[in-house]
Amino acid sequence: MPQSIVKLLAHIVFSTKNRAHLIHPEVENELFRYIHGIVENNNSKLIIPNGTAYSFVSFIGEDD
């Protein structure tokens, strides 16, 4: 019996206004935990969180 298996990933990038350096190490972990909570509450999985002082980049996938 044929079947199709699909795995969707979302590549999300956002930055601060005017690329202002507002994401300091003191708040970076708290920001990642906050975003992780939002993703988990939507039945998804935060796969690769990463960022700089002015941006956040991540891959998000469906929770198996």
PDB file of N, CA and C in Angstrom:
ATOM      1  N   MET A   1       0.841  -1.168   0.000  1.00  0.00           N
ATOM      2  CA  MET A   1       0.000   0.000   0.000  1.00  0.00           C
ATOM      3  C   MET A   1       0.896   1.244   0.000  1.00  0.00           C
ATOM      4  N   PRO A   2       0.766   2.126  -1.000  1.00  0.00           N
ATOM      5  CA  PRO A   2       1.601   3.328  -1.051  1.00  0.00           C
ATOM      6  C   PRO A   2       1.234   4.327   0.046  1.00  0.00           C
ATOM      7  N   GLN A   3       2.223   5.076   0.455  1.00  0.00           N
ATOM      8  CA  GLN A   3       1.981   6.108   1.459  1.00  0.00           C
ATOM      9  C   GLN A   3       2.887   7.299   1.196  1.00  0.00           C
ATOM     10  N   SER A   4       2.496   8.429   1.688  1.00  0.00           N
ATOM     11  CA  SER A   4       3.302   9.644   1.591  1.00  0.00           C
ATOM     12  C   SER A   4       3.642  10.111   2.995  1.00  0.00           C
ATOM     13  N   ILE A   5       4.885  10.483   3.176  1.00  0.00           N
ATOM     14  CA  ILE A   5       5.332  11.000   4.463  1.00  0.00           C
ATOM     15  C   ILE A   5       5.878  12.405   4.223  1.00  0.00           C
ATOM     16  N   VAL A   6       5.369  13.353   4.982  1.00  0.00           N
ATOM     17  CA  VAL A   6       5.780  14.743   4.808  1.00  0.00           C
ATOM     18  C   VAL A   6       6.303  15.275   6.138  1.00  0.00           C
ATOM     19  N   LYS A   7       7.424  15.941   6.085  1.00  0.00           N
ATOM     20  CA  LYS A   7       7.988  16.602   7.260  1.00  0.00           C
ATOM     21  C   LYS A   7       8.183  18.068   6.890  1.00  0.00           C
ATOM     22  N   LEU A   8       7.437  18.941   7.527  1.00  0.00           N
ATOM     23  CA  LEU A   8       7.523  20.367   7.231  1.00  0.00           C
ATOM     24  C   LEU A   8       8.417  21.069   8.244  1.00  0.00           C
ATOM     25  N   LEU A   9       9.324  21.880   7.735  1.00  0.00           N
ATOM     26  CA  LEU A   9      10.183  22.704   8.579  1.00  0.00           C
ATOM     27  C   LEU A   9       9.956  24.165   8.218  1.00  0.00           C
ATOM     28  N   ALA A  10       9.996  25.018   9.199  1.00  0.00           N
ATOM     29  CA  ALA A  10       9.892  26.458   8.967  1.00  0.00           C
ATOM     30  C   ALA A  10      11.204  27.109   9.378  1.00  0.00           C
ATOM     31  N   HIS A  11      11.750  27.919   8.501  1.00  0.00           N
ATOM     32  CA  HIS A  11      12.962  28.679   8.790  1.00  0.00           C
ATOM     33  C   HIS A  11      12.509  30.090   9.138  1.00  0.00           C
ATOM     34  N   ILE A  12      12.686  30.488  10.381  1.00  0.00           N
ATOM     35  CA  ILE A  12      12.175  31.772  10.858  1.00  0.00           C
ATOM     36  C   ILE A  12      13.343  32.689  11.213  1.00  0.00           C
ATOM     37  N   VAL A  13      13.277  33.900  10.691  1.00  0.00           N
ATOM     38  CA  VAL A  13      14.300  34.906  10.970  1.00  0.00           C
ATOM     39  C   VAL A  13      13.593  36.207  11.325  1.00  0.00           C
ATOM     40  N   PHE A  14      13.968  36.812  12.424  1.00  0.00           N
ATOM     41  CA  PHE A  14      13.478  38.154  12.714  1.00  0.00           C
ATOM     42  C   PHE A  14      14.588  38.950  13.373  1.00  0.00           C
ATOM     43  N   SER A  15      14.467  40.268  13.280  1.00  0.00           N
ATOM     44  CA  SER A  15      15.511  41.119  13.850  1.00  0.00           C
ATOM     45  C   SER A  15      14.887  42.301  14.581  1.00  0.00           C
ATOM     46  N   THR A  16      15.712  42.970  15.355  1.00  0.00           N
ATOM     47  CA  THR A  16      15.258  44.149  16.078  1.00  0.00           C
ATOM     48  C   THR A  16      15.127  45.324  15.106  1.00  0.00           C
ATOM     49  N   LYS A  17      14.360  46.318  15.492  1.00  0.00           N
ATOM     50  CA  LYS A  17      14.156  47.489  14.642  1.00  0.00           C
ATOM     51  C   LYS A  17      15.488  48.192  14.391  1.00  0.00           C
ATOM     52  N   ASN A  18      15.746  48.488  13.141  1.00  0.00           N
ATOM     53  CA  ASN A  18      16.986  49.151  12.710  1.00  0.00           C
ATOM     54  C   ASN A  18      18.235  48.359  13.094  1.00  0.00           C
ATOM     55  N   ARG A  19      18.071  47.080  13.291  1.00  0.00           N
ATOM     56  CA  ARG A  19      19.176  46.189  13.677  1.00  0.00           C
ATOM     57  C   ARG A  19      19.913  46.676  14.933  1.00  0.00           C
ATOM     58  N   ALA A  20      19.157  47.249  15.839  1.00  0.00           N
ATOM     59  CA  ALA A  20      19.736  47.713  17.108  1.00  0.00           C
ATOM     60  C   ALA A  20      20.186  46.506  17.924  1.00  0.00           C
ATOM     61  N   HIS A  21      21.340  46.612  18.537  1.00  0.00           N
ATOM     62  CA  HIS A  21      21.914  45.509  19.313  1.00  0.00           C
ATOM     63  C   HIS A  21      21.244  45.433  20.684  1.00  0.00           C
ATOM     64  N   LEU A  22      20.064  44.814  20.728  1.00  0.00           N
ATOM     65  CA  LEU A  22      19.265  44.753  21.951  1.00  0.00           C
ATOM     66  C   LEU A  22      19.238  43.373  22.595  1.00  0.00           C
ATOM     67  N   ILE A  23      19.677  42.348  21.883  1.00  0.00           N
ATOM     68  CA  ILE A  23      19.635  40.990  22.432  1.00  0.00           C
ATOM     69  C   ILE A  23      20.999  40.698  23.059  1.00  0.00           C
ATOM     70  N   HIS A  24      21.132  41.063  24.313  1.00  0.00           N
ATOM     71  CA  HIS A  24      22.382  40.873  25.046  1.00  0.00           C
ATOM     72  C   HIS A  24      22.413  39.478  25.662  1.00  0.00           C
ATOM     73  N   PRO A  25      23.608  38.968  25.986  1.00  0.00           N
ATOM     74  CA  PRO A  25      23.694  37.627  26.587  1.00  0.00           C
ATOM     75  C   PRO A  25      22.821  37.458  27.831  1.00  0.00           C
ATOM     76  N   GLU A  26      22.604  38.542  28.575  1.00  0.00           N
ATOM     77  CA  GLU A  26      21.789  38.444  29.790  1.00  0.00           C
ATOM     78  C   GLU A  26      20.335  38.085  29.476  1.00  0.00           C
ATOM     79  N   VAL A  27      19.830  38.521  28.328  1.00  0.00           N
ATOM     80  CA  VAL A  27      18.424  38.262  27.980  1.00  0.00           C
ATOM     81  C   VAL A  27      18.265  37.190  26.906  1.00  0.00           C
ATOM     82  N   GLU A  28      19.360  36.788  26.282  1.00  0.00           N
ATOM     83  CA  GLU A  28      19.290  35.822  25.181  1.00  0.00           C
ATOM     84  C   GLU A  28      18.665  34.497  25.611  1.00  0.00           C
ATOM     85  N   ASN A  29      19.115  33.932  26.724  1.00  0.00           N
ATOM     86  CA  ASN A  29      18.553  32.658  27.189  1.00  0.00           C
ATOM     87  C   ASN A  29      17.078  32.786  27.538  1.00  0.00           C
ATOM     88  N   GLU A  30      16.703  33.895  28.157  1.00  0.00           N
ATOM     89  CA  GLU A  30      15.296  34.115  28.492  1.00  0.00           C
ATOM     90  C   GLU A  30      14.450  34.226  27.219  1.00  0.00           C
ATOM     91  N   LEU A  31      14.970  34.911  26.206  1.00  0.00           N
ATOM     92  CA  LEU A  31      14.265  35.036  24.925  1.00  0.00           C
ATOM     93  C   LEU A  31      14.102  33.670  24.269  1.00  0.00           C
ATOM     94  N   PHE A  32      15.169  32.869  24.252  1.00  0.00           N
ATOM     95  CA  PHE A  32      15.091  31.533  23.655  1.00  0.00           C
ATOM     96  C   PHE A  32      14.080  30.666  24.396  1.00  0.00           C
ATOM     97  N   ARG A  33      14.050  30.738  25.730  1.00  0.00           N
ATOM     98  CA  ARG A  33      13.072  29.959  26.504  1.00  0.00           C
ATOM     99  C   ARG A  33      11.654  30.415  26.197  1.00  0.00           C
ATOM    100  N   TYR A  34      11.453  31.717  26.046  1.00  0.00           N
ATOM    101  CA  TYR A  34      10.130  32.265  25.732  1.00  0.00           C
ATOM    102  C   TYR A  34       9.657  31.756  24.367  1.00  0.00           C
ATOM    103  N   ILE A  35      10.524  31.849  23.375  1.00  0.00           N
ATOM    104  CA  ILE A  35      10.169  31.377  22.030  1.00  0.00           C
ATOM    105  C   ILE A  35       9.950  29.874  22.040  1.00  0.00           C
ATOM    106  N   HIS A  36      10.771  29.142  22.776  1.00  0.00           N
ATOM    107  CA  HIS A  36      10.608  27.688  22.897  1.00  0.00           C
ATOM    108  C   HIS A  36       9.236  27.349  23.462  1.00  0.00           C
ATOM    109  N   GLY A  37       8.792  28.095  24.471  1.00  0.00           N
ATOM    110  CA  GLY A  37       7.474  27.863  25.056  1.00  0.00           C
ATOM    111  C   GLY A  37       6.353  28.097  24.060  1.00  0.00           C
ATOM    112  N   ILE A  38       6.465  29.156  23.267  1.00  0.00           N
ATOM    113  CA  ILE A  38       5.449  29.435  22.247  1.00  0.00           C
ATOM    114  C   ILE A  38       5.391  28.303  21.230  1.00  0.00           C
ATOM    115  N   VAL A  39       6.553  27.855  20.794  1.00  0.00           N
ATOM    116  CA  VAL A  39       6.614  26.773  19.800  1.00  0.00           C
ATOM    117  C   VAL A  39       6.024  25.487  20.374  1.00  0.00           C
ATOM    118  N   GLU A  40       6.411  25.129  21.600  1.00  0.00           N
ATOM    119  CA  GLU A  40       5.900  23.907  22.231  1.00  0.00           C
ATOM    120  C   GLU A  40       4.387  23.964  22.427  1.00  0.00           C
ATOM    121  N   ASN A  41       3.846  25.123  22.777  1.00  0.00           N
ATOM    122  CA  ASN A  41       2.399  25.270  22.964  1.00  0.00           C
ATOM    123  C   ASN A  41       1.625  25.123  21.665  1.00  0.00           C
ATOM    124  N   ASN A  42       2.322  25.194  20.544  1.00  0.00           N
ATOM    125  CA  ASN A  42       1.696  25.018  19.237  1.00  0.00           C
ATOM    126  C   ASN A  42       2.044  23.659  18.631  1.00  0.00           C
ATOM    127  N   ASN A  43       2.350  22.690  19.507  1.00  0.00           N
ATOM    128  CA  ASN A  43       2.638  21.310  19.098  1.00  0.00           C
ATOM    129  C   ASN A  43       3.729  21.222  18.041  1.00  0.00           C
ATOM    130  N   SER A  44       4.782  22.001  18.237  1.00  0.00           N
ATOM    131  CA  SER A  44       5.917  21.977  17.328  1.00  0.00           C
ATOM    132  C   SER A  44       7.189  21.835  18.144  1.00  0.00           C
ATOM    133  N   LYS A  45       8.309  21.796  17.455  1.00  0.00           N
ATOM    134  CA  LYS A  45       9.586  21.583  18.115  1.00  0.00           C
ATOM    135  C   LYS A  45      10.592  22.612  17.607  1.00  0.00           C
ATOM    136  N   LEU A  46      11.264  23.292  18.524  1.00  0.00           N
ATOM    137  CA  LEU A  46      12.320  24.233  18.168  1.00  0.00           C
ATOM    138  C   LEU A  46      13.581  23.415  17.934  1.00  0.00           C
ATOM    139  N   ILE A  47      14.032  23.358  16.690  1.00  0.00           N
ATOM    140  CA  ILE A  47      15.125  22.461  16.333  1.00  0.00           C
ATOM    141  C   ILE A  47      16.484  23.142  16.470  1.00  0.00           C
ATOM    142  N   ILE A  48      16.654  24.304  15.860  1.00  0.00           N
ATOM    143  CA  ILE A  48      17.943  24.988  15.906  1.00  0.00           C
ATOM    144  C   ILE A  48      17.735  26.455  16.275  1.00  0.00           C
ATOM    145  N   PRO A  49      17.795  26.802  17.554  1.00  0.00           N
ATOM    146  CA  PRO A  49      17.730  28.224  17.897  1.00  0.00           C
ATOM    147  C   PRO A  49      19.124  28.838  17.796  1.00  0.00           C
ATOM    148  N   ASN A  50      19.208  30.015  17.232  1.00  0.00           N
ATOM    149  CA  ASN A  50      20.483  30.701  17.101  1.00  0.00           C
ATOM    150  C   ASN A  50      20.204  32.193  17.001  1.00  0.00           C
ATOM    151  N   GLY A  51      21.177  33.006  17.256  1.00  0.00           N
ATOM    152  CA  GLY A  51      20.932  34.430  17.148  1.00  0.00           C
ATOM    153  C   GLY A  51      22.180  35.264  17.313  1.00  0.00           C
ATOM    154  N   THR A  52      21.994  36.558  17.111  1.00  0.00           N
ATOM    155  CA  THR A  52      23.056  37.538  17.304  1.00  0.00           C
ATOM    156  C   THR A  52      22.500  38.631  18.215  1.00  0.00           C
ATOM    157  N   ALA A  53      23.236  39.707  18.324  1.00  0.00           N
ATOM    158  CA  ALA A  53      22.779  40.812  19.175  1.00  0.00           C
ATOM    159  C   ALA A  53      21.557  41.513  18.595  1.00  0.00           C
ATOM    160  N   TYR A  54      21.245  41.253  17.313  1.00  0.00           N
ATOM    161  CA  TYR A  54      20.112  41.939  16.688  1.00  0.00           C
ATOM    162  C   TYR A  54      19.173  41.020  15.911  1.00  0.00           C
ATOM    163  N   SER A  55      19.403  39.702  15.926  1.00  0.00           N
ATOM    164  CA  SER A  55      18.506  38.827  15.166  1.00  0.00           C
ATOM    165  C   SER A  55      18.348  37.472  15.836  1.00  0.00           C
ATOM    166  N   PHE A  56      17.297  36.769  15.435  1.00  0.00           N
ATOM    167  CA  PHE A  56      17.026  35.416  15.914  1.00  0.00           C
ATOM    168  C   PHE A  56      16.733  34.554  14.698  1.00  0.00           C
ATOM    169  N   VAL A  57      17.397  33.419  14.601  1.00  0.00           N
ATOM    170  CA  VAL A  57      17.218  32.497  13.483  1.00  0.00           C
ATOM    171  C   VAL A  57      16.913  31.130  14.064  1.00  0.00           C
ATOM    172  N   SER A  58      15.938  30.434  13.508  1.00  0.00           N
ATOM    173  CA  SER A  58      15.636  29.100  14.014  1.00  0.00           C
ATOM    174  C   SER A  58      14.973  28.251  12.950  1.00  0.00           C
ATOM    175  N   PHE A  59      15.022  26.954  13.177  1.00  0.00           N
ATOM    176  CA  PHE A  59      14.250  25.998  12.405  1.00  0.00           C
ATOM    177  C   PHE A  59      13.214  25.412  13.342  1.00  0.00           C
ATOM    178  N   ILE A  60      11.987  25.341  12.873  1.00  0.00           N
ATOM    179  CA  ILE A  60      10.890  24.799  13.664  1.00  0.00           C
ATOM    180  C   ILE A  60      10.238  23.693  12.860  1.00  0.00           C
ATOM    181  N   GLY A  61       9.977  22.558  13.517  1.00  0.00           N
ATOM    182  CA  GLY A  61       9.335  21.438  12.845  1.00  0.00           C
ATOM    183  C   GLY A  61       8.160  20.922  13.636  1.00  0.00           C
ATOM    184  N   GLU A  62       7.366  20.079  12.983  1.00  0.00           N
ATOM    185  CA  GLU A  62       6.225  19.473  13.654  1.00  0.00           C
ATOM    186  C   GLU A  62       6.712  18.502  14.713  1.00  0.00           C
ATOM    187  N   ASP A  63       6.023  18.458  15.828  1.00  0.00           N
ATOM    188  CA  ASP A  63       6.360  17.531  16.900  1.00  0.00           C
ATOM    189  C   ASP A  63       5.864  16.147  16.520  1.00  0.00           C
ATOM    190  N   ASP A  64       6.746  15.153  16.596  1.00  0.00           N
ATOM    191  CA  ASP A  64       6.374  13.773  16.232  1.00  0.00           C
ATOM    192  C   ASP A  64       5.516  13.127  17.271  1.00  0.00           C
TER     193      ASP A  64
END
